[in-house]
PDB file of N, CA and C in Angstrom:
ATOM      1  N   MET A   1     -24.261  22.728 -34.444  1.00  0.00           N
ATOM      2  CA  MET A   1     -23.601  23.062 -33.201  1.00  0.00           C
ATOM      3  C   MET A   1     -23.757  21.913 -32.190  1.00  0.00           C
ATOM      4  N   PHE A   2     -24.960  21.382 -32.134  1.00  0.00           N
ATOM      5  CA  PHE A   2     -25.265  20.267 -31.243  1.00  0.00           C
ATOM      6  C   PHE A   2     -24.393  19.026 -31.561  1.00  0.00           C
ATOM      7  N   ILE A   3     -24.197  18.753 -32.794  1.00  0.00           N
ATOM      8  CA  ILE A   3     -23.451  17.603 -33.282  1.00  0.00           C
ATOM      9  C   ILE A   3     -22.003  17.787 -32.809  1.00  0.00           C
ATOM     10  N   PHE A   4     -21.423  18.963 -32.891  1.00  0.00           N
ATOM     11  CA  PHE A   4     -20.072  19.238 -32.475  1.00  0.00           C
ATOM     12  C   PHE A   4     -19.903  18.919 -30.926  1.00  0.00           C
ATOM     13  N   TRP A   5     -20.874  19.380 -30.105  1.00  0.00           N
ATOM     14  CA  TRP A   5     -20.754  19.129 -28.651  1.00  0.00           C
ATOM     15  C   TRP A   5     -20.936  17.665 -28.328  1.00  0.00           C
ATOM     16  N   TYR A   6     -21.875  17.033 -29.064  1.00  0.00           N
ATOM     17  CA  TYR A   6     -22.120  15.618 -28.825  1.00  0.00           C
ATOM     18  C   TYR A   6     -20.874  14.859 -29.183  1.00  0.00           C
ATOM     19  N   ARG A   7     -20.145  15.095 -30.313  1.00  0.00           N
ATOM     20  CA  ARG A   7     -18.896  14.389 -30.669  1.00  0.00           C
ATOM     21  C   ARG A   7     -17.797  14.686 -29.688  1.00  0.00           C
ATOM     22  N   TYR A   8     -17.725  15.942 -29.236  1.00  0.00           N
ATOM     23  CA  TYR A   8     -16.734  16.310 -28.223  1.00  0.00           C
ATOM     24  C   TYR A   8     -16.942  15.544 -26.932  1.00  0.00           C
ATOM     25  N   ALA A   9     -18.140  15.530 -26.447  1.00  0.00           N
ATOM     26  CA  ALA A   9     -18.487  14.841 -25.229  1.00  0.00           C
ATOM     27  C   ALA A   9     -18.229  13.364 -25.341  1.00  0.00           C
ATOM     28  N   SER A  10     -18.659  12.792 -26.471  1.00  0.00           N
ATOM     29  CA  SER A  10     -18.440  11.390 -26.770  1.00  0.00           C
ATOM     30  C   SER A  10     -16.981  10.985 -26.764  1.00  0.00           C
ATOM     31  N   ASN A  11     -16.163  11.788 -27.466  1.00  0.00           N
ATOM     32  CA  ASN A  11     -14.730  11.540 -27.519  1.00  0.00           C
ATOM     33  C   ASN A  11     -14.060  11.679 -26.113  1.00  0.00           C
ATOM     34  N   SER A  12     -14.513  12.651 -25.345  1.00  0.00           N
ATOM     35  CA  SER A  12     -13.983  12.830 -24.051  1.00  0.00           C
ATOM     36  C   SER A  12     -14.357  11.674 -23.112  1.00  0.00           C
ATOM     37  N   ILE A  13     -15.515  11.189 -23.208  1.00  0.00           N
ATOM     38  CA  ILE A  13     -15.954  10.088 -22.399  1.00  0.00           C
ATOM     39  C   ILE A  13     -15.147   8.795 -22.785  1.00  0.00           C
ATOM     40  N   MET A  14     -14.925   8.577 -24.065  1.00  0.00           N
ATOM     41  CA  MET A  14     -14.169   7.465 -24.556  1.00  0.00           C
ATOM     42  C   MET A  14     -12.716   7.577 -24.034  1.00  0.00           C
ATOM     43  N   ALA A  15     -12.146   8.781 -24.095  1.00  0.00           N
ATOM     44  CA  ALA A  15     -10.750   8.934 -23.615  1.00  0.00           C
ATOM     45  C   ALA A  15     -10.675   8.619 -22.129  1.00  0.00           C
ATOM     46  N   LEU A  16     -11.636   9.086 -21.378  1.00  0.00           N
ATOM     47  CA  LEU A  16     -11.616   8.782 -19.893  1.00  0.00           C
ATOM     48  C   LEU A  16     -11.714   7.272 -19.651  1.00  0.00           C
ATOM     49  N   ARG A  17     -12.584   6.646 -20.421  1.00  0.00           N
ATOM     50  CA  ARG A  17     -12.809   5.185 -20.238  1.00  0.00           C
ATOM     51  C   ARG A  17     -11.539   4.391 -20.576  1.00  0.00           C
ATOM     52  N   ASP A  18     -10.785   4.845 -21.527  1.00  0.00           N
ATOM     53  CA  ASP A  18      -9.603   4.156 -21.974  1.00  0.00           C
ATOM     54  C   ASP A  18      -8.364   4.504 -21.245  1.00  0.00           C
ATOM     55  N   ASP A  19      -8.453   5.530 -20.378  1.00  0.00           N
ATOM     56  CA  ASP A  19      -7.238   5.980 -19.625  1.00  0.00           C
ATOM     57  C   ASP A  19      -6.919   4.980 -18.523  1.00  0.00           C
ATOM     58  N   GLU A  20      -5.629   4.576 -18.424  1.00  0.00           N
ATOM     59  CA  GLU A  20      -5.276   3.583 -17.458  1.00  0.00           C
ATOM     60  C   GLU A  20      -4.198   4.061 -16.447  1.00  0.00           C
ATOM     61  N   GLU A  21      -4.090   5.334 -16.333  1.00  0.00           N
ATOM     62  CA  GLU A  21      -3.056   5.926 -15.399  1.00  0.00           C
ATOM     63  C   GLU A  21      -3.397   5.639 -13.970  1.00  0.00           C
ATOM     64  N   GLY A  22      -4.651   5.474 -13.589  1.00  0.00           N
ATOM     65  CA  GLY A  22      -5.103   5.288 -12.264  1.00  0.00           C
ATOM     66  C   GLY A  22      -4.798   3.815 -11.723  1.00  0.00           C
ATOM     67  N   ILE A  23      -4.466   2.937 -12.672  1.00  0.00           N
ATOM     68  CA  ILE A  23      -4.290   1.543 -12.313  1.00  0.00           C
ATOM     69  C   ILE A  23      -3.128   1.377 -11.329  1.00  0.00           C
ATOM     70  N   GLY A  24      -2.006   2.071 -11.571  1.00  0.00           N
ATOM     71  CA  GLY A  24      -0.878   2.018 -10.646  1.00  0.00           C
ATOM     72  C   GLY A  24      -1.289   2.459  -9.232  1.00  0.00           C
ATOM     73  N   THR A  25      -2.015   3.498  -9.114  1.00  0.00           N
ATOM     74  CA  THR A  25      -2.477   3.986  -7.800  1.00  0.00           C
ATOM     75  C   THR A  25      -3.346   3.008  -7.113  1.00  0.00           C
ATOM     76  N   LEU A  26      -4.280   2.430  -7.901  1.00  0.00           N
ATOM     77  CA  LEU A  26      -5.150   1.370  -7.348  1.00  0.00           C
ATOM     78  C   LEU A  26      -4.393   0.153  -6.811  1.00  0.00           C
ATOM     79  N   GLU A  27      -3.437  -0.325  -7.583  1.00  0.00           N
ATOM     80  CA  GLU A  27      -2.626  -1.436  -7.125  1.00  0.00           C
ATOM     81  C   GLU A  27      -1.878  -1.088  -5.837  1.00  0.00           C
ATOM     82  N   LEU A  28      -1.320   0.138  -5.764  1.00  0.00           N
ATOM     83  CA  LEU A  28      -0.607   0.482  -4.586  1.00  0.00           C
ATOM     84  C   LEU A  28      -1.560   0.592  -3.346  1.00  0.00           C
ATOM     85  N   VAL A  29      -2.742   1.109  -3.568  1.00  0.00           N
ATOM     86  CA  VAL A  29      -3.679   1.199  -2.427  1.00  0.00           C
ATOM     87  C   VAL A  29      -4.102  -0.215  -1.932  1.00  0.00           C
ATOM     88  N   LEU A  30      -4.294  -1.104  -2.916  1.00  0.00           N
ATOM     89  CA  LEU A  30      -4.665  -2.475  -2.519  1.00  0.00           C
ATOM     90  C   LEU A  30      -3.547  -3.238  -1.754  1.00  0.00           C
ATOM     91  N   ILE A  31      -2.309  -3.039  -2.213  1.00  0.00           N
ATOM     92  CA  ILE A  31      -1.197  -3.598  -1.508  1.00  0.00           C
ATOM     93  C   ILE A  31      -1.016  -3.090  -0.094  1.00  0.00           C
ATOM     94  N   VAL A  32      -1.191  -1.824   0.069  1.00  0.00           N
ATOM     95  CA  VAL A  32      -1.141  -1.200   1.429  1.00  0.00           C
ATOM     96  C   VAL A  32      -2.275  -1.713   2.316  1.00  0.00           C
ATOM     97  N   ALA A  33      -3.477  -1.871   1.677  1.00  0.00           N
ATOM     98  CA  ALA A  33      -4.625  -2.380   2.492  1.00  0.00           C
ATOM     99  C   ALA A  33      -4.369  -3.786   2.988  1.00  0.00           C
ATOM    100  N   VAL A  34      -3.779  -4.599   2.062  1.00  0.00           N
ATOM    101  CA  VAL A  34      -3.482  -5.967   2.413  1.00  0.00           C
ATOM    102  C   VAL A  34      -2.388  -6.021   3.544  1.00  0.00           C
ATOM    103  N   LEU A  35      -1.385  -5.221   3.386  1.00  0.00           N
ATOM    104  CA  LEU A  35      -0.369  -5.154   4.453  1.00  0.00           C
ATOM    105  C   LEU A  35      -0.924  -4.702   5.826  1.00  0.00           C
ATOM    106  N   ILE A  36      -1.750  -3.775   5.806  1.00  0.00           N
ATOM    107  CA  ILE A  36      -2.393  -3.245   7.087  1.00  0.00           C
ATOM    108  C   ILE A  36      -3.248  -4.370   7.648  1.00  0.00           C
ATOM    109  N   ALA A  37      -3.999  -5.104   6.831  1.00  0.00           N
ATOM    110  CA  ALA A  37      -4.759  -6.155   7.309  1.00  0.00           C
ATOM    111  C   ALA A  37      -3.949  -7.278   7.946  1.00  0.00           C
ATOM    112  N   LEU A  38      -2.813  -7.577   7.319  1.00  0.00           N
ATOM    113  CA  LEU A  38      -1.929  -8.590   7.848  1.00  0.00           C
ATOM    114  C   LEU A  38      -1.288  -8.164   9.188  1.00  0.00           C
ATOM    115  N   VAL A  39      -0.929  -6.941   9.286  1.00  0.00           N
ATOM    116  CA  VAL A  39      -0.393  -6.405  10.539  1.00  0.00           C
ATOM    117  C   VAL A  39      -1.473  -6.477  11.659  1.00  0.00           C
ATOM    118  N   LEU A  40      -2.710  -6.167  11.309  1.00  0.00           N
ATOM    119  CA  LEU A  40      -3.752  -6.221  12.319  1.00  0.00           C
ATOM    120  C   LEU A  40      -4.060  -7.684  12.759  1.00  0.00           C
ATOM    121  N   VAL A  41      -3.954  -8.670  11.872  1.00  0.00           N
ATOM    122  CA  VAL A  41      -4.210 -10.026  12.223  1.00  0.00           C
ATOM    123  C   VAL A  41      -3.111 -10.589  12.979  1.00  0.00           C
ATOM    124  N   PHE A  42      -1.905 -10.325  12.619  1.00  0.00           N
ATOM    125  CA  PHE A  42      -0.705 -10.913  13.248  1.00  0.00           C
ATOM    126  C   PHE A  42      -0.068  -9.989  14.215  1.00  0.00           C
ATOM    127  N   ARG A  43      -0.771  -9.005  14.778  1.00  0.00           N
ATOM    128  CA  ARG A  43      -0.213  -7.955  15.605  1.00  0.00           C
ATOM    129  C   ARG A  43       0.565  -8.544  16.866  1.00  0.00           C
ATOM    130  N   GLU A  44      -0.050  -9.517  17.546  1.00  0.00           N
ATOM    131  CA  GLU A  44       0.594 -10.040  18.767  1.00  0.00           C
ATOM    132  C   GLU A  44       1.845 -10.797  18.388  1.00  0.00           C
ATOM    133  N   GLU A  45       1.818 -11.574  17.340  1.00  0.00           N
ATOM    134  CA  GLU A  45       3.014 -12.298  16.922  1.00  0.00           C
ATOM    135  C   GLU A  45       4.203 -11.419  16.540  1.00  0.00           C
ATOM    136  N   ILE A  46       3.838 -10.311  15.834  1.00  0.00           N
ATOM    137  CA  ILE A  46       4.868  -9.354  15.413  1.00  0.00           C
ATOM    138  C   ILE A  46       5.459  -8.668  16.656  1.00  0.00           C
ATOM    139  N   ILE A  47       4.591  -8.258  17.578  1.00  0.00           N
ATOM    140  CA  ILE A  47       5.101  -7.656  18.764  1.00  0.00           C
ATOM    141  C   ILE A  47       5.936  -8.565  19.574  1.00  0.00           C
ATOM    142  N   GLY A  48       5.569  -9.800  19.731  1.00  0.00           N
ATOM    143  CA  GLY A  48       6.410 -10.813  20.403  1.00  0.00           C
ATOM    144  C   GLY A  48       7.721 -10.993  19.754  1.00  0.00           C
ATOM    145  N   PHE A  49       7.725 -11.083  18.464  1.00  0.00           N
ATOM    146  CA  PHE A  49       8.996 -11.268  17.746  1.00  0.00           C
ATOM    147  C   PHE A  49       9.891 -10.149  17.875  1.00  0.00           C
ATOM    148  N   LEU A  50       9.344  -8.861  17.808  1.00  0.00           N
ATOM    149  CA  LEU A  50      10.194  -7.668  17.943  1.00  0.00           C
ATOM    150  C   LEU A  50      10.755  -7.568  19.350  1.00  0.00           C
ATOM    151  N   LYS A  51       9.997  -8.003  20.414  1.00  0.00           N
ATOM    152  CA  LYS A  51      10.442  -7.928  21.759  1.00  0.00           C
ATOM    153  C   LYS A  51      11.529  -8.920  21.956  1.00  0.00           C
ATOM    154  N   SER A  52      11.449 -10.130  21.472  1.00  0.00           N
ATOM    155  CA  SER A  52      12.505 -11.073  21.642  1.00  0.00           C
ATOM    156  C   SER A  52      13.684 -10.670  20.843  1.00  0.00           C
ATOM    157  N   LEU A  53      13.610 -10.077  19.722  1.00  0.00           N
ATOM    158  CA  LEU A  53      14.677  -9.554  18.996  1.00  0.00           C
ATOM    159  C   LEU A  53      15.402  -8.476  19.739  1.00  0.00           C
ATOM    160  N   MET A  54      14.679  -7.560  20.305  1.00  0.00           N
ATOM    161  CA  MET A  54      15.294  -6.456  21.089  1.00  0.00           C
ATOM    162  C   MET A  54      16.010  -6.996  22.353  1.00  0.00           C
ATOM    163  N   ASP A  55      15.426  -7.965  22.967  1.00  0.00           N
ATOM    164  CA  ASP A  55      16.022  -8.628  24.140  1.00  0.00           C
ATOM    165  C   ASP A  55      17.425  -9.232  23.757  1.00  0.00           C
ATOM    166  N   LYS A  56      17.454  -9.906  22.591  1.00  0.00           N
ATOM    167  CA  LYS A  56      18.735 -10.523  22.136  1.00  0.00           C
ATOM    168  C   LYS A  56      19.712  -9.411  21.797  1.00  0.00           C
ATOM    169  N   VAL A  57      19.252  -8.375  21.191  1.00  0.00           N
ATOM    170  CA  VAL A  57      20.225  -7.271  20.840  1.00  0.00           C
ATOM    171  C   VAL A  57      20.763  -6.680  22.190  1.00  0.00           C
ATOM    172  N   GLU A  58      19.877  -6.503  23.204  1.00  0.00           N
ATOM    173  CA  GLU A  58      20.331  -5.938  24.458  1.00  0.00           C
ATOM    174  C   GLU A  58      21.376  -6.808  25.131  1.00  0.00           C
ATOM    175  N   THR A  59      21.068  -8.175  25.135  1.00  0.00           N
ATOM    176  CA  THR A  59      22.071  -9.058  25.814  1.00  0.00           C
ATOM    177  C   THR A  59      23.375  -9.132  25.065  1.00  0.00           C
ATOM    178  N   LYS A  60      23.316  -9.109  23.741  1.00  0.00           N
ATOM    179  CA  LYS A  60      24.616  -9.113  22.986  1.00  0.00           C
ATOM    180  C   LYS A  60      25.349  -7.822  23.189  1.00  0.00           C
ATOM    181  N   SER A  61      24.611  -6.669  23.205  1.00  0.00           N
ATOM    182  CA  SER A  61      25.364  -5.396  23.436  1.00  0.00           C
ATOM    183  C   SER A  61      25.932  -5.379  24.805  1.00  0.00           C
ATOM    184  N   ASP A  62      25.212  -5.967  25.850  1.00  0.00           N
ATOM    185  CA  ASP A  62      25.805  -6.023  27.251  1.00  0.00           C
ATOM    186  C   ASP A  62      27.070  -6.825  27.214  1.00  0.00           C
ATOM    187  N   GLU A  63      27.086  -7.944  26.432  1.00  0.00           N
ATOM    188  CA  GLU A  63      28.334  -8.759  26.398  1.00  0.00           C
ATOM    189  C   GLU A  63      29.484  -7.992  25.718  1.00  0.00           C
ATOM    190  N   VAL A  64      29.167  -7.176  24.734  1.00  0.00           N
ATOM    191  CA  VAL A  64      30.201  -6.503  24.011  1.00  0.00           C
ATOM    192  C   VAL A  64      30.797  -5.382  24.903  1.00  0.00           C
ATOM    193  N   PHE A  65      29.940  -4.766  25.639  1.00  0.00           N
ATOM    194  CA  PHE A  65      30.488  -3.562  26.422  1.00  0.00           C
ATOM    195  C   PHE A  65      30.908  -3.896  27.836  1.00  0.00           C
ATOM    196  N   ASP A  66      30.862  -5.202  28.172  1.00  0.00           N
ATOM    197  CA  ASP A  66      31.355  -5.602  29.535  1.00  0.00           C
ATOM    198  C   ASP A  66      32.799  -5.986  29.451  1.00  0.00           C
TER     199      ASP A  66
END
């Protein structure tokens, strides 16, 4: 009986070790972490770019509706 449980546990551990389904999740988490880090580092530049872009949109829309 002990040998049966030992083989069952051994096979289960081997199956868990060889399972690669979590790799996709890990890659996604790493990509998101890198993107968040980039946003935090370049926060001021991104905000400045978006403000200038919105100013341009506002001036162009004023030209169209005048």
